[in-house]
Protein backbone atom coordinates (compact mmCIF):
# COMPACT_ATOMS: atom_id res chain seq x y z
CA UNK A 1 6.71 12.57 -2.22
CA UNK A 2 4.25 12.95 0.62
CA UNK A 3 2.73 9.56 2.01
CA UNK A 4 -1.22 9.30 3.25
CA UNK A 5 -1.20 5.70 4.39
CA UNK A 6 1.88 3.50 5.86
CA UNK A 7 2.52 0.14 3.96
CA UNK A 8 0.53 -1.70 6.96
CA UNK A 9 -2.37 0.21 6.23
CA UNK A 10 -2.31 -0.25 2.93
CA UNK A 11 -1.10 -4.08 3.57
CA UNK A 12 -4.68 -4.33 5.78
CA UNK A 13 -7.18 -2.35 3.01
CA UNK A 14 -6.20 -4.34 0.13
CA UNK A 15 -6.48 -7.49 2.63
CA UNK A 16 -9.89 -6.70 3.29
CA UNK A 17 -10.92 -6.13 -0.52
CA UNK A 18 -9.58 -9.67 -1.29
CA UNK A 19 -11.22 -10.88 2.01
CA UNK A 20 -7.38 -12.50 2.90
CA UNK A 21 -6.90 -13.02 6.69
CA UNK A 22 -4.10 -14.83 7.25
CA UNK A 23 -2.00 -13.10 9.34
CA UNK A 24 1.02 -14.36 7.44
CA UNK A 25 0.43 -13.26 4.10
CA UNK A 26 -0.86 -9.48 5.27
CA UNK A 27 2.62 -9.51 7.13
CA UNK A 28 4.16 -10.32 3.63
CA UNK A 29 2.34 -7.40 1.76
CA UNK A 30 3.44 -5.33 4.44
CA UNK A 31 6.95 -6.20 3.52
CA UNK A 32 6.32 -5.86 0.08
CA UNK A 33 4.94 -2.95 0.33
CA UNK A 34 8.06 -0.63 2.14
CA UNK A 35 9.86 -1.86 -0.89
CA UNK A 36 7.48 -0.39 -2.71
CA UNK A 37 7.57 2.53 -0.66
CA UNK A 38 11.62 2.57 -0.50
CA UNK A 39 11.48 2.37 -4.79
CA UNK A 40 9.25 6.05 -4.29
CA UNK A 41 11.37 7.42 -2.09
CA UNK A 42 13.95 7.32 -4.69
CA UNK A 43 13.71 10.39 -6.73
CA UNK A 44 16.20 8.30 -9.44
CA UNK A 45 13.04 5.69 -9.97
CA UNK A 46 10.42 5.96 -12.58
CA UNK A 47 7.12 7.95 -11.69
CA UNK A 48 5.17 5.23 -12.30
CA UNK A 49 5.88 3.69 -8.86
CA UNK A 50 4.70 6.70 -7.44
CA UNK A 51 1.56 6.86 -9.63
CA UNK A 52 1.11 2.96 -8.38
CA UNK A 53 1.26 4.13 -4.72
CA UNK A 54 -1.02 6.77 -5.05
CA UNK A 55 -3.49 4.35 -6.44
CA UNK A 56 -2.88 1.79 -3.40
CA UNK A 57 -3.44 4.83 -1.58
CA UNK A 58 -7.29 5.52 -3.04
CA UNK A 59 -7.71 2.02 -2.58
CA UNK A 60 -6.92 1.90 1.00
CA UNK A 61 -9.16 5.33 1.50
CA UNK A 62 -11.79 3.56 0.12
CA UNK A 63 -12.08 1.13 2.45
CA UNK A 64 -12.02 2.82 5.44
CA UNK A 65 -15.26 5.21 3.89
CA UNK A 66 -16.93 1.83 4.00
CA UNK A 67 -16.05 1.80 7.45
């Protein structure tokens, strides 16, 4: 699977969409996204994890086009 965005980029984009500015919350979200990315990288895990990652990347892409 090719990853278009880093977990930190996705966390920042989601925080922007949710109006979250707390640095600790964004860091926690980044950590969770690294875990999800690791799940996606394991080919034995369900495809729905990779689909979910693509949805998160699409949301990230939307926030970039708003800038």
